[in-house]
Amino acid sequence: MALLMQMARWITIVLAISVPAFWMIGQWAADATQDWRMSRIPALLAASEITYSSEVGGAPGPGANEGGLAAYALPDATVAALERQGLDFLATPDLAWHPTPLGGPSGEALTDPATGHPDIRRFIERYVSVALDPAIERSLNEALATPGTYYAFPRDGISVVIVAPSMARAFFAYNG
């Protein structure tokens, strides 16, 4: 009986320590993931939150098939600066920004060759199928077809950052 009481006491102590520890690790992992997701778009855009996300990931490592689209809310001050300054606001040494409508070699990856129209789904679904909200997909394709939106391909070669002031959103799309 004394042995059972001692075992119960040890189990209580272990649980009292491990449950909060696992909760803290989970919170840290969630915060790290959110920080990583927010870091995918330039800090100068001052995005405040992710308003939409549809992402599919494979196993980690080479050959992992993945794709997705995330939308970030832009503050009014960023939207106003983009409307006033355009490409000058986005000038950074690490990204080569292009204005819409899509055209030339820079826009080929975002265009359906059969129709010549913007097609964000074609870019995202290079390797995997991703469920996109039809309204967001349509709005983003329309933004890519009209003046006033900007896009840049980071050096990774598998992603694009799209800034649509008319929607007060920035987007990060990727395939890989």
C-alpha atoms as a PDB file:
ATOM      1  CA  MET A   1       0.000   0.000   0.000  1.00  0.00           C
ATOM      2  CA  ALA A   2       2.794   2.425   0.870  1.00  0.00           C
ATOM      3  CA  LEU A   3       4.453   1.597  -2.428  1.00  0.00           C
ATOM      4  CA  LEU A   4       1.249   2.452  -4.322  1.00  0.00           C
ATOM      5  CA  MET A   5       0.962   5.749  -2.471  1.00  0.00           C
ATOM      6  CA  GLN A   6       4.575   6.599  -3.298  1.00  0.00           C
ATOM      7  CA  MET A   7       4.051   5.702  -6.988  1.00  0.00           C
ATOM      8  CA  ALA A   8       0.906   7.843  -7.111  1.00  0.00           C
ATOM      9  CA  ARG A   9       2.819  10.760  -5.596  1.00  0.00           C
ATOM     10  CA  TRP A  10       5.608  10.410  -8.220  1.00  0.00           C
ATOM     11  CA  ILE A  11       3.094  10.197 -11.047  1.00  0.00           C
ATOM     12  CA  THR A  12       1.417  13.356  -9.764  1.00  0.00           C
ATOM     13  CA  ILE A  13       4.766  15.168  -9.623  1.00  0.00           C
ATOM     14  CA  VAL A  14       5.749  14.010 -13.127  1.00  0.00           C
ATOM     15  CA  LEU A  15       2.386  15.119 -14.538  1.00  0.00           C
ATOM     16  CA  ALA A  16       2.528  18.433 -12.690  1.00  0.00           C
ATOM     17  CA  ILE A  17       5.865  19.159 -14.368  1.00  0.00           C
ATOM     18  CA  SER A  18       5.380  17.593 -17.808  1.00  0.00           C
ATOM     19  CA  VAL A  19       1.905  18.872 -18.709  1.00  0.00           C
ATOM     20  CA  PRO A  20       2.855  22.576 -18.389  1.00  0.00           C
ATOM     21  CA  ALA A  21       6.172  21.854 -20.120  1.00  0.00           C
ATOM     22  CA  PHE A  22       4.444  20.245 -23.109  1.00  0.00           C
ATOM     23  CA  TRP A  23       1.923  23.108 -23.225  1.00  0.00           C
ATOM     24  CA  MET A  24       4.791  25.650 -23.266  1.00  0.00           C
ATOM     25  CA  ILE A  25       6.578  23.724 -26.044  1.00  0.00           C
ATOM     26  CA  GLY A  26       3.338  23.690 -28.047  1.00  0.00           C
ATOM     27  CA  GLN A  27       2.897  27.435 -27.585  1.00  0.00           C
ATOM     28  CA  TRP A  28       6.491  28.076 -28.604  1.00  0.00           C
ATOM     29  CA  ALA A  29       6.047  25.949 -31.741  1.00  0.00           C
ATOM     30  CA  ALA A  30       2.822  27.757 -32.647  1.00  0.00           C
ATOM     31  CA  ASP A  31       4.477  31.156 -32.141  1.00  0.00           C
ATOM     32  CA  ALA A  32       7.521  30.095 -34.200  1.00  0.00           C
ATOM     33  CA  THR A  33       5.265  28.906 -37.033  1.00  0.00           C
ATOM     34  CA  GLN A  34       3.302  32.177 -36.994  1.00  0.00           C
ATOM     35  CA  ASP A  35       6.537  34.206 -37.000  1.00  0.00           C
ATOM     36  CA  TRP A  36       7.844  32.163 -39.940  1.00  0.00           C
ATOM     37  CA  ARG A  37       4.588  32.624 -41.870  1.00  0.00           C
ATOM     38  CA  MET A  38       4.647  36.390 -41.248  1.00  0.00           C
ATOM     39  CA  SER A  39       8.293  36.604 -42.361  1.00  0.00           C
ATOM     40  CA  ARG A  40       7.452  35.346 -45.862  1.00  0.00           C
ATOM     41  CA  ILE A  41       6.478  38.833 -47.004  1.00  0.00           C
ATOM     42  CA  PRO A  42       8.636  41.966 -46.749  1.00  0.00           C
ATOM     43  CA  ALA A  43       8.551  43.717 -43.385  1.00  0.00           C
ATOM     44  CA  LEU A  44       8.105  47.111 -45.082  1.00  0.00           C
ATOM     45  CA  LEU A  45       4.515  46.101 -45.874  1.00  0.00           C
ATOM     46  CA  ALA A  46       3.770  46.048 -42.114  1.00  0.00           C
ATOM     47  CA  ALA A  47       1.250  43.223 -42.513  1.00  0.00           C
ATOM     48  CA  SER A  48      -0.754  42.769 -39.354  1.00  0.00           C
ATOM     49  CA  GLU A  49      -2.280  39.317 -39.722  1.00  0.00           C
ATOM     50  CA  ILE A  50      -2.900  36.375 -42.008  1.00  0.00           C
ATOM     51  CA  THR A  51      -6.480  36.627 -43.226  1.00  0.00           C
ATOM     52  CA  TYR A  52      -6.560  33.512 -45.424  1.00  0.00           C
ATOM     53  CA  SER A  53      -4.413  30.458 -45.860  1.00  0.00           C
ATOM     54  CA  SER A  54      -4.719  27.287 -47.903  1.00  0.00           C
ATOM     55  CA  GLU A  55      -1.506  25.303 -47.877  1.00  0.00           C
ATOM     56  CA  VAL A  56      -0.609  21.687 -48.564  1.00  0.00           C
ATOM     57  CA  GLY A  57       2.751  20.341 -47.458  1.00  0.00           C
ATOM     58  CA  GLY A  58       4.584  17.139 -48.078  1.00  0.00           C
ATOM     59  CA  ALA A  59       7.198  15.432 -46.009  1.00  0.00           C
ATOM     60  CA  PRO A  60      10.239  17.542 -45.109  1.00  0.00           C
ATOM     61  CA  GLY A  61      13.315  17.254 -47.265  1.00  0.00           C
ATOM     62  CA  PRO A  62      14.126  17.043 -50.957  1.00  0.00           C
ATOM     63  CA  GLY A  63      11.252  16.056 -53.173  1.00  0.00           C
ATOM     64  CA  ALA A  64       8.564  17.230 -50.753  1.00  0.00           C
ATOM     65  CA  ASN A  65       5.578  18.351 -52.790  1.00  0.00           C
ATOM     66  CA  GLU A  66       3.908  21.439 -51.437  1.00  0.00           C
ATOM     67  CA  GLY A  67       1.957  24.469 -52.502  1.00  0.00           C
ATOM     68  CA  GLY A  68      -0.196  27.171 -51.054  1.00  0.00           C
ATOM     69  CA  LEU A  69      -1.536  30.673 -50.854  1.00  0.00           C
ATOM     70  CA  ALA A  70      -1.638  32.962 -47.828  1.00  0.00           C
ATOM     71  CA  ALA A  71      -3.220  36.425 -47.677  1.00  0.00           C
ATOM     72  CA  TYR A  72      -1.980  39.141 -45.322  1.00  0.00           C
ATOM     73  CA  ALA A  73      -3.897  42.256 -44.233  1.00  0.00           C
ATOM     74  CA  LEU A  74      -2.176  45.524 -45.116  1.00  0.00           C
ATOM     75  CA  PRO A  75      -2.646  48.571 -42.879  1.00  0.00           C
ATOM     76  CA  ASP A  76      -4.228  51.718 -44.318  1.00  0.00           C
ATOM     77  CA  ALA A  77      -0.886  53.568 -44.154  1.00  0.00           C
ATOM     78  CA  THR A  78       0.798  50.924 -46.346  1.00  0.00           C
ATOM     79  CA  VAL A  79      -2.066  50.963 -48.845  1.00  0.00           C
ATOM     80  CA  ALA A  80      -1.914  54.775 -49.032  1.00  0.00           C
ATOM     81  CA  ALA A  81       1.871  54.718 -49.517  1.00  0.00           C
ATOM     82  CA  LEU A  82       1.550  52.114 -52.288  1.00  0.00           C
ATOM     83  CA  GLU A  83      -1.119  54.166 -54.031  1.00  0.00           C
ATOM     84  CA  ARG A  84       1.022  57.323 -53.777  1.00  0.00           C
ATOM     85  CA  GLN A  85       4.480  55.893 -54.501  1.00  0.00           C
ATOM     86  CA  GLY A  86       3.875  52.612 -56.359  1.00  0.00           C
ATOM     87  CA  LEU A  87       7.075  50.760 -57.176  1.00  0.00           C
ATOM     88  CA  ASP A  88       9.188  53.378 -55.387  1.00  0.00           C
ATOM     89  CA  PHE A  89       7.631  52.305 -52.072  1.00  0.00           C
ATOM     90  CA  LEU A  90       8.623  48.691 -52.733  1.00  0.00           C
ATOM     91  CA  ALA A  91      12.213  49.401 -53.794  1.00  0.00           C
ATOM     92  CA  THR A  92      14.405  46.934 -51.903  1.00  0.00           C
ATOM     93  CA  PRO A  93      17.686  45.360 -52.926  1.00  0.00           C
ATOM     94  CA  ASP A  94      16.482  41.804 -52.377  1.00  0.00           C
ATOM     95  CA  LEU A  95      13.369  41.765 -54.594  1.00  0.00           C
ATOM     96  CA  ALA A  96      12.812  42.889 -58.181  1.00  0.00           C
ATOM     97  CA  TRP A  97       9.228  44.160 -58.232  1.00  0.00           C
ATOM     98  CA  HIS A  98       7.091  44.258 -61.379  1.00  0.00           C
ATOM     99  CA  PRO A  99       3.832  46.129 -61.995  1.00  0.00           C
ATOM    100  CA  THR A 100       0.691  44.542 -63.356  1.00  0.00           C
ATOM    101  CA  PRO A 101      -0.882  43.773 -65.721  1.00  0.00           C
ATOM    102  CA  LEU A 102       1.268  40.709 -66.242  1.00  0.00           C
ATOM    103  CA  GLY A 103       3.477  40.723 -69.282  1.00  0.00           C
ATOM    104  CA  GLY A 104       6.841  39.663 -70.581  1.00  0.00           C
ATOM    105  CA  PRO A 105       9.069  36.959 -69.116  1.00  0.00           C
ATOM    106  CA  SER A 106       8.472  38.040 -65.520  1.00  0.00           C
ATOM    107  CA  GLY A 107       4.755  37.258 -65.732  1.00  0.00           C
ATOM    108  CA  GLU A 108       4.915  33.944 -67.589  1.00  0.00           C
ATOM    109  CA  ALA A 109       4.899  31.810 -64.427  1.00  0.00           C
ATOM    110  CA  LEU A 110       1.610  33.423 -63.349  1.00  0.00           C
ATOM    111  CA  THR A 111      -0.113  33.196 -66.739  1.00  0.00           C
ATOM    112  CA  ASP A 112      -2.066  30.377 -68.350  1.00  0.00           C
ATOM    113  CA  PRO A 113      -0.344  29.873 -71.728  1.00  0.00           C
ATOM    114  CA  ALA A 114      -3.579  28.657 -73.337  1.00  0.00           C
ATOM    115  CA  THR A 115      -5.583  31.785 -72.477  1.00  0.00           C
ATOM    116  CA  GLY A 116      -2.923  34.398 -71.747  1.00  0.00           C
ATOM    117  CA  HIS A 117      -4.813  35.318 -68.564  1.00  0.00           C
ATOM    118  CA  PRO A 118      -3.463  35.343 -65.005  1.00  0.00           C
ATOM    119  CA  ASP A 119      -3.897  31.997 -63.268  1.00  0.00           C
ATOM    120  CA  ILE A 120      -2.599  31.824 -59.700  1.00  0.00           C
ATOM    121  CA  ARG A 121      -3.873  28.239 -59.377  1.00  0.00           C
ATOM    122  CA  ARG A 122      -1.608  27.097 -62.232  1.00  0.00           C
ATOM    123  CA  PHE A 123       1.397  28.536 -60.358  1.00  0.00           C
ATOM    124  CA  ILE A 124       0.455  27.060 -56.964  1.00  0.00           C
ATOM    125  CA  GLU A 125      -0.579  23.629 -58.215  1.00  0.00           C
ATOM    126  CA  ARG A 126       2.601  22.786 -60.027  1.00  0.00           C
ATOM    127  CA  TYR A 127       3.081  19.656 -57.900  1.00  0.00           C
ATOM    128  CA  VAL A 128       0.039  19.283 -55.624  1.00  0.00           C
ATOM    129  CA  SER A 129      -3.645  20.152 -55.643  1.00  0.00           C
ATOM    130  CA  VAL A 130      -4.553  22.992 -53.271  1.00  0.00           C
ATOM    131  CA  ALA A 131      -8.141  23.912 -52.368  1.00  0.00           C
ATOM    132  CA  LEU A 132      -8.468  27.654 -52.962  1.00  0.00           C
ATOM    133  CA  ASP A 133     -11.411  29.843 -52.059  1.00  0.00           C
ATOM    134  CA  PRO A 134     -12.936  30.627 -55.497  1.00  0.00           C
ATOM    135  CA  ALA A 135     -13.676  34.266 -54.552  1.00  0.00           C
ATOM    136  CA  ILE A 136     -10.085  34.900 -53.429  1.00  0.00           C
ATOM    137  CA  GLU A 137      -8.687  33.136 -56.494  1.00  0.00           C
ATOM    138  CA  ARG A 138     -10.905  35.190 -58.827  1.00  0.00           C
ATOM    139  CA  SER A 139     -10.102  38.495 -57.061  1.00  0.00           C
ATOM    140  CA  LEU A 140      -6.370  37.803 -57.113  1.00  0.00           C
ATOM    141  CA  ASN A 141      -6.413  36.857 -60.812  1.00  0.00           C
ATOM    142  CA  GLU A 142      -8.336  40.075 -61.554  1.00  0.00           C
ATOM    143  CA  ALA A 143      -5.784  42.096 -59.554  1.00  0.00           C
ATOM    144  CA  LEU A 144      -2.967  40.498 -61.575  1.00  0.00           C
ATOM    145  CA  ALA A 145      -4.739  41.473 -64.806  1.00  0.00           C
ATOM    146  CA  THR A 146      -5.173  45.164 -63.965  1.00  0.00           C
ATOM    147  CA  PRO A 147      -2.757  48.014 -63.208  1.00  0.00           C
ATOM    148  CA  GLY A 148      -1.960  48.853 -59.592  1.00  0.00           C
ATOM    149  CA  THR A 149      -0.801  45.464 -58.289  1.00  0.00           C
ATOM    150  CA  TYR A 150       2.851  44.453 -57.896  1.00  0.00           C
ATOM    151  CA  TYR A 151       4.643  41.109 -57.767  1.00  0.00           C
ATOM    152  CA  ALA A 152       8.135  39.797 -57.106  1.00  0.00           C
ATOM    153  CA  PHE A 153       9.779  36.387 -57.171  1.00  0.00           C
ATOM    154  CA  PRO A 154      12.095  35.737 -54.211  1.00  0.00           C
ATOM    155  CA  ARG A 155      15.386  34.028 -55.008  1.00  0.00           C
ATOM    156  CA  ASP A 156      14.028  30.607 -54.027  1.00  0.00           C
ATOM    157  CA  GLY A 157      12.398  30.294 -57.459  1.00  0.00           C
ATOM    158  CA  ILE A 158       9.283  28.585 -56.105  1.00  0.00           C
ATOM    159  CA  SER A 159       7.342  31.483 -54.605  1.00  0.00           C
ATOM    160  CA  VAL A 160       5.877  34.845 -55.486  1.00  0.00           C
ATOM    161  CA  VAL A 161       4.888  37.823 -53.350  1.00  0.00           C
ATOM    162  CA  ILE A 162       1.933  39.784 -54.691  1.00  0.00           C
ATOM    163  CA  VAL A 163       0.872  43.161 -53.305  1.00  0.00           C
ATOM    164  CA  ALA A 164      -2.661  44.254 -54.180  1.00  0.00           C
ATOM    165  CA  PRO A 165      -3.420  47.694 -52.689  1.00  0.00           C
ATOM    166  CA  SER A 166      -6.935  47.587 -54.187  1.00  0.00           C
ATOM    167  CA  MET A 167      -7.640  44.594 -51.929  1.00  0.00           C
ATOM    168  CA  ALA A 168      -5.551  45.912 -48.969  1.00  0.00           C
ATOM    169  CA  ARG A 169      -3.760  42.554 -49.101  1.00  0.00           C
ATOM    170  CA  ALA A 170      -0.401  41.001 -49.784  1.00  0.00           C
ATOM    171  CA  PHE A 171      -0.199  37.392 -50.905  1.00  0.00           C
ATOM    172  CA  PHE A 172       2.446  34.724 -50.682  1.00  0.00           C
ATOM    173  CA  ALA A 173       2.031  31.877 -53.173  1.00  0.00           C
ATOM    174  CA  TYR A 174       4.397  28.949 -53.537  1.00  0.00           C
ATOM    175  CA  ASN A 175       4.951  25.549 -55.079  1.00  0.00           C
ATOM    176  CA  GLY A 176       7.780  23.149 -54.550  1.00  0.00           C
END
